[in-house]
N, C-alpha and C. Protein backbone atom coordinates (compact mmCIF):
# COMPACT_ATOMS: atom_id res chain seq x y z
N UNK A 1 4.40 -25.53 -166.40
CA UNK A 1 5.71 -26.04 -166.22
C UNK A 1 6.58 -24.99 -165.49
N UNK A 2 6.56 -23.76 -165.88
CA UNK A 2 7.35 -22.70 -165.24
C UNK A 2 6.91 -22.44 -163.86
N UNK A 3 5.59 -22.37 -163.64
CA UNK A 3 5.04 -22.13 -162.30
C UNK A 3 5.50 -23.25 -161.39
N UNK A 4 5.45 -24.49 -161.77
CA UNK A 4 5.87 -25.61 -160.92
C UNK A 4 7.38 -25.51 -160.61
N UNK A 5 8.15 -25.11 -161.66
CA UNK A 5 9.57 -24.94 -161.43
C UNK A 5 9.89 -23.83 -160.46
N UNK A 6 9.13 -22.72 -160.60
CA UNK A 6 9.41 -21.61 -159.68
C UNK A 6 9.04 -22.03 -158.25
N UNK A 7 7.95 -22.71 -158.03
CA UNK A 7 7.54 -23.15 -156.69
C UNK A 7 8.54 -24.20 -156.15
N UNK A 8 9.08 -25.02 -157.04
CA UNK A 8 10.09 -25.99 -156.53
C UNK A 8 11.33 -25.30 -156.07
N UNK A 9 11.86 -24.38 -156.92
CA UNK A 9 13.08 -23.64 -156.51
C UNK A 9 12.83 -22.80 -155.30
N UNK A 10 11.66 -22.18 -155.21
CA UNK A 10 11.33 -21.31 -154.06
C UNK A 10 11.29 -22.15 -152.78
N UNK A 11 10.71 -23.37 -152.84
CA UNK A 11 10.65 -24.22 -151.67
C UNK A 11 12.05 -24.75 -151.27
N UNK A 12 12.86 -25.11 -152.29
CA UNK A 12 14.20 -25.55 -152.00
C UNK A 12 15.02 -24.53 -151.27
N UNK A 13 14.77 -23.23 -151.61
CA UNK A 13 15.49 -22.12 -150.95
C UNK A 13 14.84 -21.61 -149.70
N UNK A 14 13.66 -22.19 -149.42
CA UNK A 14 12.97 -21.73 -148.15
C UNK A 14 12.38 -20.36 -148.27
N UNK A 15 11.97 -19.96 -149.45
CA UNK A 15 11.41 -18.62 -149.68
C UNK A 15 9.87 -18.72 -149.75
N UNK A 16 9.18 -18.05 -148.87
CA UNK A 16 7.73 -18.05 -148.95
C UNK A 16 7.25 -17.14 -150.04
N UNK A 17 5.99 -17.33 -150.40
CA UNK A 17 5.41 -16.41 -151.46
C UNK A 17 5.41 -14.98 -150.97
N UNK A 18 5.14 -14.80 -149.69
CA UNK A 18 5.17 -13.40 -149.13
C UNK A 18 6.56 -12.77 -149.21
N UNK A 19 7.58 -13.65 -148.90
CA UNK A 19 8.99 -13.10 -149.05
C UNK A 19 9.33 -12.79 -150.44
N UNK A 20 8.90 -13.66 -151.38
CA UNK A 20 9.21 -13.49 -152.78
C UNK A 20 8.53 -12.23 -153.30
N UNK A 21 7.26 -12.07 -152.93
CA UNK A 21 6.48 -10.86 -153.37
C UNK A 21 7.20 -9.59 -152.88
N UNK A 22 7.66 -9.61 -151.65
CA UNK A 22 8.34 -8.40 -151.08
C UNK A 22 9.65 -8.13 -151.84
N UNK A 23 10.39 -9.13 -152.15
CA UNK A 23 11.69 -9.01 -152.85
C UNK A 23 11.57 -8.51 -154.32
N UNK A 24 10.44 -8.88 -154.94
CA UNK A 24 10.25 -8.46 -156.35
C UNK A 24 9.35 -7.21 -156.49
N UNK A 25 8.83 -6.79 -155.29
CA UNK A 25 7.95 -5.57 -155.35
C UNK A 25 6.56 -5.77 -155.90
N UNK A 26 6.09 -6.95 -155.65
CA UNK A 26 4.71 -7.33 -156.13
C UNK A 26 3.75 -7.51 -154.97
N UNK A 27 2.48 -7.51 -155.27
CA UNK A 27 1.51 -7.73 -154.23
C UNK A 27 1.48 -9.23 -153.83
N UNK A 28 1.44 -9.49 -152.54
CA UNK A 28 1.42 -10.83 -152.07
C UNK A 28 0.27 -11.62 -152.61
N UNK A 29 -0.91 -10.96 -152.65
CA UNK A 29 -2.15 -11.60 -153.09
C UNK A 29 -2.00 -11.99 -154.63
N UNK A 30 -1.53 -11.03 -155.36
CA UNK A 30 -1.35 -11.30 -156.83
C UNK A 30 -0.39 -12.43 -157.08
N UNK A 31 0.77 -12.40 -156.38
CA UNK A 31 1.75 -13.47 -156.61
C UNK A 31 1.20 -14.77 -156.07
N UNK A 32 0.46 -14.78 -155.00
CA UNK A 32 -0.19 -15.99 -154.49
C UNK A 32 -1.09 -16.60 -155.55
N UNK A 33 -1.86 -15.71 -156.13
CA UNK A 33 -2.84 -16.19 -157.18
C UNK A 33 -2.05 -16.75 -158.42
N UNK A 34 -1.01 -16.06 -158.79
CA UNK A 34 -0.18 -16.51 -159.92
C UNK A 34 0.53 -17.85 -159.67
N UNK A 35 1.06 -18.00 -158.51
CA UNK A 35 1.87 -19.24 -158.22
C UNK A 35 1.09 -20.43 -157.70
N UNK A 36 -0.12 -20.14 -157.19
CA UNK A 36 -0.93 -21.25 -156.63
C UNK A 36 -2.05 -21.55 -157.60
N UNK A 37 -2.74 -20.66 -158.07
CA UNK A 37 -3.84 -20.89 -158.97
C UNK A 37 -3.50 -20.92 -160.43
N UNK A 38 -2.29 -20.58 -160.74
CA UNK A 38 -1.80 -20.69 -162.09
C UNK A 38 -2.24 -19.54 -162.99
N UNK A 39 -2.51 -18.37 -162.50
CA UNK A 39 -2.84 -17.25 -163.35
C UNK A 39 -1.55 -16.83 -164.14
N UNK A 40 -1.69 -15.87 -165.01
CA UNK A 40 -0.59 -15.54 -165.86
C UNK A 40 0.43 -14.61 -165.12
N UNK A 41 1.68 -14.94 -165.20
CA UNK A 41 2.76 -14.10 -164.66
C UNK A 41 3.21 -13.08 -165.74
N UNK A 42 3.46 -11.85 -165.33
CA UNK A 42 4.07 -10.91 -166.23
C UNK A 42 5.52 -11.25 -166.45
N UNK A 43 6.02 -10.96 -167.63
CA UNK A 43 7.39 -11.19 -167.96
C UNK A 43 8.33 -10.47 -166.96
N UNK A 44 8.01 -9.20 -166.58
CA UNK A 44 8.87 -8.47 -165.65
C UNK A 44 8.91 -9.19 -164.27
N UNK A 45 7.79 -9.74 -163.81
CA UNK A 45 7.77 -10.47 -162.61
C UNK A 45 8.60 -11.77 -162.70
N UNK A 46 8.48 -12.43 -163.82
CA UNK A 46 9.22 -13.67 -164.02
C UNK A 46 10.75 -13.35 -163.97
N UNK A 47 11.16 -12.30 -164.60
CA UNK A 47 12.55 -11.93 -164.64
C UNK A 47 13.04 -11.57 -163.21
N UNK A 48 12.16 -10.83 -162.44
CA UNK A 48 12.54 -10.52 -161.04
C UNK A 48 12.61 -11.74 -160.20
N UNK A 49 11.68 -12.69 -160.40
CA UNK A 49 11.75 -13.95 -159.65
C UNK A 49 13.04 -14.71 -159.98
N UNK A 50 13.43 -14.72 -161.25
CA UNK A 50 14.64 -15.41 -161.68
C UNK A 50 15.83 -14.78 -160.91
N UNK A 51 15.90 -13.48 -160.80
CA UNK A 51 16.98 -12.82 -160.07
C UNK A 51 17.02 -13.26 -158.58
N UNK A 52 15.84 -13.30 -158.00
CA UNK A 52 15.75 -13.66 -156.55
C UNK A 52 16.11 -15.15 -156.36
N UNK A 53 15.63 -16.03 -157.18
CA UNK A 53 15.91 -17.46 -157.08
C UNK A 53 17.29 -17.87 -157.54
N UNK A 54 17.95 -17.01 -158.32
CA UNK A 54 19.26 -17.33 -158.92
C UNK A 54 19.05 -17.61 -160.39
N UNK A 55 19.47 -16.64 -161.18
CA UNK A 55 19.26 -16.74 -162.63
C UNK A 55 19.81 -18.02 -163.24
N UNK A 56 21.02 -18.37 -162.86
CA UNK A 56 21.62 -19.53 -163.45
C UNK A 56 20.78 -20.80 -163.18
N UNK A 57 20.37 -20.99 -161.90
CA UNK A 57 19.54 -22.14 -161.57
C UNK A 57 18.22 -22.09 -162.30
N UNK A 58 17.62 -20.90 -162.28
CA UNK A 58 16.25 -20.70 -162.89
C UNK A 58 16.28 -21.06 -164.37
N UNK A 59 17.17 -20.50 -165.11
CA UNK A 59 17.23 -20.77 -166.54
C UNK A 59 17.70 -22.17 -166.89
N UNK A 60 18.63 -22.76 -166.06
CA UNK A 60 19.09 -24.08 -166.27
C UNK A 60 17.93 -25.08 -166.08
N UNK A 61 17.03 -24.80 -165.08
CA UNK A 61 15.92 -25.67 -164.84
C UNK A 61 14.96 -25.61 -165.97
N UNK A 62 14.71 -24.40 -166.57
CA UNK A 62 13.86 -24.31 -167.72
C UNK A 62 14.44 -25.09 -168.88
N UNK A 63 15.73 -24.90 -169.22
CA UNK A 63 16.33 -25.56 -170.28
C UNK A 63 16.24 -27.11 -170.14
N UNK A 64 16.52 -27.55 -168.95
CA UNK A 64 16.43 -28.99 -168.66
C UNK A 64 15.03 -29.52 -168.89
N UNK A 65 14.03 -28.78 -168.44
CA UNK A 65 12.65 -29.20 -168.57
C UNK A 65 12.27 -29.26 -170.07
N UNK A 66 12.72 -28.30 -170.88
CA UNK A 66 12.34 -28.24 -172.28
C UNK A 66 13.17 -29.14 -173.22
N UNK A 67 14.28 -29.70 -172.67
CA UNK A 67 15.19 -30.53 -173.54
C UNK A 67 14.55 -31.86 -173.84
N UNK A 68 14.61 -32.24 -175.08
CA UNK A 68 14.14 -33.51 -175.49
C UNK A 68 15.37 -34.41 -175.73
N UNK A 69 15.17 -35.71 -175.41
CA UNK A 69 16.30 -36.62 -175.47
C UNK A 69 15.77 -37.93 -176.12
N UNK A 70 16.47 -38.42 -177.09
CA UNK A 70 16.12 -39.66 -177.81
C UNK A 70 17.35 -40.50 -178.01
N UNK A 71 17.29 -41.76 -177.81
CA UNK A 71 18.45 -42.70 -177.98
C UNK A 71 18.16 -43.53 -179.29
N UNK A 72 19.10 -43.38 -180.21
CA UNK A 72 18.99 -44.09 -181.49
C UNK A 72 20.09 -45.20 -181.51
N UNK A 73 19.64 -46.45 -181.51
CA UNK A 73 20.60 -47.58 -181.57
C UNK A 73 21.33 -47.56 -182.92
N UNK A 74 22.65 -47.77 -182.85
CA UNK A 74 23.43 -47.73 -184.02
C UNK A 74 24.09 -49.08 -184.35
N UNK A 75 24.49 -49.84 -183.28
CA UNK A 75 25.18 -51.09 -183.46
C UNK A 75 25.05 -51.97 -182.26
N UNK A 76 25.06 -53.28 -182.42
CA UNK A 76 25.04 -54.22 -181.30
C UNK A 76 26.28 -55.07 -181.50
N UNK A 77 27.12 -55.15 -180.47
CA UNK A 77 28.34 -55.90 -180.51
C UNK A 77 28.46 -56.80 -179.26
N UNK A 78 28.35 -58.10 -179.45
CA UNK A 78 28.43 -59.05 -178.32
C UNK A 78 27.47 -58.70 -177.19
N UNK A 79 26.28 -58.39 -177.59
CA UNK A 79 25.21 -58.05 -176.55
C UNK A 79 25.24 -56.65 -175.99
N UNK A 80 26.24 -55.85 -176.40
CA UNK A 80 26.33 -54.49 -175.99
C UNK A 80 25.79 -53.55 -177.09
N UNK A 81 25.15 -52.50 -176.74
CA UNK A 81 24.50 -51.61 -177.68
C UNK A 81 25.24 -50.26 -177.73
N UNK A 82 25.62 -49.84 -178.93
CA UNK A 82 26.14 -48.45 -179.10
C UNK A 82 24.98 -47.65 -179.73
N UNK A 83 24.92 -46.41 -179.28
CA UNK A 83 23.88 -45.56 -179.93
C UNK A 83 24.17 -44.06 -179.70
N UNK A 84 23.39 -43.28 -180.40
CA UNK A 84 23.54 -41.85 -180.36
C UNK A 84 22.38 -41.23 -179.52
N UNK A 85 22.67 -40.28 -178.67
CA UNK A 85 21.66 -39.48 -177.98
C UNK A 85 21.41 -38.21 -178.86
N UNK A 86 20.12 -38.07 -179.28
CA UNK A 86 19.74 -36.83 -179.92
C UNK A 86 19.18 -35.85 -178.86
N UNK A 87 19.85 -34.79 -178.75
CA UNK A 87 19.42 -33.74 -177.81
C UNK A 87 18.72 -32.66 -178.66
N UNK A 88 17.40 -32.51 -178.49
CA UNK A 88 16.58 -31.62 -179.34
C UNK A 88 16.85 -31.91 -180.78
N UNK A 89 16.84 -33.21 -181.15
CA UNK A 89 16.96 -33.72 -182.54
C UNK A 89 18.38 -33.55 -183.11
N UNK A 90 19.40 -33.16 -182.34
CA UNK A 90 20.74 -33.03 -182.75
C UNK A 90 21.64 -34.09 -182.13
N UNK A 91 22.38 -34.90 -182.97
CA UNK A 91 23.22 -35.92 -182.36
C UNK A 91 24.36 -35.24 -181.50
N UNK A 92 24.43 -35.61 -180.27
CA UNK A 92 25.35 -34.85 -179.37
C UNK A 92 26.14 -35.78 -178.45
N UNK A 93 25.55 -36.90 -178.02
CA UNK A 93 26.27 -37.78 -177.05
C UNK A 93 26.20 -39.19 -177.60
N UNK A 94 27.03 -40.03 -177.01
CA UNK A 94 27.05 -41.46 -177.40
C UNK A 94 26.83 -42.29 -176.16
N UNK A 95 26.05 -43.32 -176.34
CA UNK A 95 25.80 -44.23 -175.20
C UNK A 95 26.22 -45.62 -175.53
N UNK A 96 26.90 -46.29 -174.55
CA UNK A 96 27.26 -47.65 -174.64
C UNK A 96 26.56 -48.42 -173.55
N UNK A 97 25.63 -49.37 -173.90
CA UNK A 97 24.81 -50.02 -172.92
C UNK A 97 25.16 -51.53 -172.90
N UNK A 98 25.50 -51.99 -171.72
CA UNK A 98 25.77 -53.43 -171.53
C UNK A 98 25.27 -53.80 -170.12
N UNK A 99 24.53 -54.88 -170.02
CA UNK A 99 24.02 -55.40 -168.76
C UNK A 99 23.23 -54.31 -167.98
N UNK A 100 22.39 -53.58 -168.70
CA UNK A 100 21.58 -52.53 -168.12
C UNK A 100 22.35 -51.37 -167.48
N UNK A 101 23.59 -51.23 -167.89
CA UNK A 101 24.47 -50.16 -167.43
C UNK A 101 24.78 -49.26 -168.65
N UNK A 102 24.70 -47.95 -168.43
CA UNK A 102 24.98 -46.95 -169.49
C UNK A 102 26.30 -46.24 -169.18
N UNK A 103 27.16 -46.27 -170.17
CA UNK A 103 28.33 -45.39 -170.15
C UNK A 103 28.07 -44.30 -171.18
N UNK A 104 28.08 -43.07 -170.73
CA UNK A 104 27.78 -41.93 -171.61
C UNK A 104 29.10 -41.29 -172.05
N UNK A 105 29.25 -41.09 -173.38
CA UNK A 105 30.42 -40.40 -173.91
C UNK A 105 29.99 -39.00 -174.39
N UNK A 106 30.76 -37.99 -173.92
CA UNK A 106 30.50 -36.61 -174.34
C UNK A 106 31.77 -36.04 -174.85
N UNK A 107 31.62 -34.90 -175.54
CA UNK A 107 32.82 -34.16 -175.99
C UNK A 107 33.39 -33.39 -174.83
N UNK A 108 34.66 -33.13 -174.79
CA UNK A 108 35.31 -32.50 -173.69
C UNK A 108 34.79 -31.08 -173.47
N UNK A 109 34.37 -30.43 -174.52
CA UNK A 109 33.86 -29.05 -174.44
C UNK A 109 32.37 -29.00 -174.24
N UNK A 110 31.68 -30.11 -174.06
CA UNK A 110 30.28 -30.18 -173.95
C UNK A 110 29.80 -29.64 -172.52
N UNK A 111 28.93 -28.58 -172.61
CA UNK A 111 28.46 -28.03 -171.32
C UNK A 111 26.94 -28.26 -171.17
N UNK A 112 26.43 -29.29 -171.79
CA UNK A 112 24.99 -29.63 -171.71
C UNK A 112 24.60 -30.04 -170.29
N UNK A 113 23.33 -29.92 -170.10
CA UNK A 113 22.80 -30.34 -168.82
C UNK A 113 22.36 -31.84 -168.98
N UNK A 114 22.79 -32.71 -168.10
CA UNK A 114 22.48 -34.12 -168.23
C UNK A 114 21.50 -34.51 -167.11
N UNK A 115 20.33 -34.85 -167.51
CA UNK A 115 19.30 -35.29 -166.57
C UNK A 115 19.36 -36.83 -166.57
N UNK A 116 19.84 -37.37 -165.47
CA UNK A 116 19.98 -38.82 -165.32
C UNK A 116 18.75 -39.55 -165.65
N UNK A 117 17.64 -39.10 -165.12
CA UNK A 117 16.37 -39.81 -165.39
C UNK A 117 15.96 -39.76 -166.85
N UNK A 118 16.20 -38.64 -167.53
CA UNK A 118 15.91 -38.55 -168.92
C UNK A 118 16.77 -39.48 -169.80
N UNK A 119 18.07 -39.53 -169.42
CA UNK A 119 18.97 -40.41 -170.08
C UNK A 119 18.56 -41.87 -170.01
N UNK A 120 18.26 -42.28 -168.74
CA UNK A 120 17.84 -43.67 -168.51
C UNK A 120 16.49 -43.99 -169.16
N UNK A 121 15.59 -43.10 -169.13
CA UNK A 121 14.29 -43.29 -169.74
C UNK A 121 14.39 -43.36 -171.26
N UNK A 122 15.32 -42.62 -171.89
CA UNK A 122 15.49 -42.64 -173.34
C UNK A 122 15.95 -44.03 -173.80
N UNK A 123 16.70 -44.73 -172.97
CA UNK A 123 17.21 -46.03 -173.36
C UNK A 123 16.19 -47.14 -173.13
N UNK A 124 15.56 -47.09 -171.96
CA UNK A 124 14.55 -48.12 -171.68
C UNK A 124 14.59 -48.51 -170.23
N UNK A 125 13.55 -49.26 -169.84
CA UNK A 125 13.38 -49.65 -168.41
C UNK A 125 14.58 -50.43 -167.89
N UNK A 126 14.94 -50.14 -166.65
CA UNK A 126 15.96 -50.87 -165.98
C UNK A 126 17.40 -50.44 -166.23
N UNK A 127 17.64 -49.59 -167.17
CA UNK A 127 18.99 -49.12 -167.48
C UNK A 127 19.40 -47.98 -166.51
N UNK A 128 20.64 -48.11 -165.99
CA UNK A 128 21.11 -47.07 -165.05
C UNK A 128 22.43 -46.47 -165.53
N UNK A 129 22.62 -45.17 -165.41
CA UNK A 129 23.79 -44.46 -165.80
C UNK A 129 24.97 -44.95 -164.84
N UNK A 130 25.97 -45.43 -165.41
CA UNK A 130 27.19 -45.89 -164.66
C UNK A 130 28.27 -44.89 -164.66
N UNK A 131 28.54 -44.27 -165.78
CA UNK A 131 29.70 -43.32 -165.85
C UNK A 131 29.54 -42.36 -167.03
N UNK A 132 30.17 -41.25 -166.92
CA UNK A 132 30.20 -40.28 -168.04
C UNK A 132 31.67 -40.06 -168.34
N UNK A 133 32.02 -40.24 -169.62
CA UNK A 133 33.45 -40.12 -170.01
C UNK A 133 33.55 -39.04 -171.11
N UNK A 134 34.64 -38.33 -171.06
CA UNK A 134 34.89 -37.36 -172.14
C UNK A 134 35.80 -38.01 -173.18
N UNK A 135 35.32 -38.04 -174.41
CA UNK A 135 36.07 -38.67 -175.52
C UNK A 135 35.59 -38.10 -176.83
N UNK A 136 36.28 -37.09 -177.37
CA UNK A 136 35.92 -36.46 -178.60
C UNK A 136 35.91 -37.41 -179.74
N UNK A 137 36.86 -38.37 -179.80
CA UNK A 137 36.99 -39.26 -180.96
C UNK A 137 35.79 -40.21 -181.05
N UNK A 138 35.35 -40.77 -179.91
CA UNK A 138 34.20 -41.70 -179.91
C UNK A 138 32.95 -40.94 -180.32
N UNK A 139 32.74 -39.77 -179.77
CA UNK A 139 31.52 -39.01 -180.09
C UNK A 139 31.55 -38.59 -181.57
N UNK A 140 32.67 -38.10 -182.06
CA UNK A 140 32.74 -37.67 -183.48
C UNK A 140 32.48 -38.85 -184.39
N UNK A 141 33.07 -39.98 -184.11
CA UNK A 141 32.94 -41.20 -184.96
C UNK A 141 31.44 -41.59 -185.02
N UNK A 142 30.77 -41.70 -183.91
CA UNK A 142 29.38 -42.15 -183.93
C UNK A 142 28.44 -41.07 -184.53
N UNK A 143 28.77 -39.81 -184.28
CA UNK A 143 27.89 -38.72 -184.87
C UNK A 143 28.06 -38.81 -186.38
N UNK A 144 29.29 -39.00 -186.88
CA UNK A 144 29.54 -39.12 -188.28
C UNK A 144 28.70 -40.24 -188.87
N UNK A 145 28.76 -41.41 -188.22
CA UNK A 145 28.08 -42.66 -188.69
C UNK A 145 26.53 -42.37 -188.67
N UNK A 146 26.04 -41.70 -187.65
CA UNK A 146 24.65 -41.35 -187.60
C UNK A 146 24.20 -40.47 -188.79
N UNK A 147 24.95 -39.45 -189.01
CA UNK A 147 24.66 -38.50 -190.05
C UNK A 147 24.77 -39.16 -191.45
N UNK A 148 25.75 -40.04 -191.58
CA UNK A 148 25.90 -40.79 -192.86
C UNK A 148 24.65 -41.65 -193.09
N UNK A 149 24.18 -42.38 -192.13
CA UNK A 149 23.11 -43.33 -192.23
C UNK A 149 21.77 -42.58 -192.37
N UNK A 150 21.60 -41.45 -191.77
CA UNK A 150 20.31 -40.81 -191.72
C UNK A 150 20.26 -39.73 -192.89
N UNK A 151 21.39 -39.56 -193.60
CA UNK A 151 21.37 -38.53 -194.74
C UNK A 151 21.36 -37.14 -194.20
N UNK A 152 21.75 -36.94 -192.95
CA UNK A 152 21.75 -35.66 -192.30
C UNK A 152 22.95 -34.78 -192.72
C-alpha cells in the first residue's frame, strides 16, 4: 500500500525514480528495486521520500488509505435515512440519505479527511455525495443516540 502510494504521488509530481534517488541520496538501482519490485524500504528512506514528495500530502494519503468507514443506519423518516458514520469505529459524522443523494454533516472543528468514494461505498451502490454541511447540533444529537443505543 505504501509503495503504491509513493509511486502515485511521485508520478503526479513528475518525479522519476532516478530523480527521487538523487534527492534522497540513495542508489538508483536500490530505489528502483524497492519501488518496482516491492523490496523493503528503510524507514530513513521513507522519511526522506516523504520530505521530497511533501510530508503533508504523503502522510494524509497514508491516513486516508488506512481509514475505515462504516455507515450505521439510525432512523428512516418518510423514505429518508439518517445514520452515523463510524470513522475507525468512532462515531464522527452524520449522513442523511434521500433519493440516492447523501448530505454529510460534520462538526465545525472537524479536520478529518473525507474520501468521497469511501463515503459513497459505505452507504451502498448508487448513492452520491451531494453536500457537506457543518452542524455541531445535528452531529452531537445523532452521536449521542448512537452511543445510547449501542451502550458505548
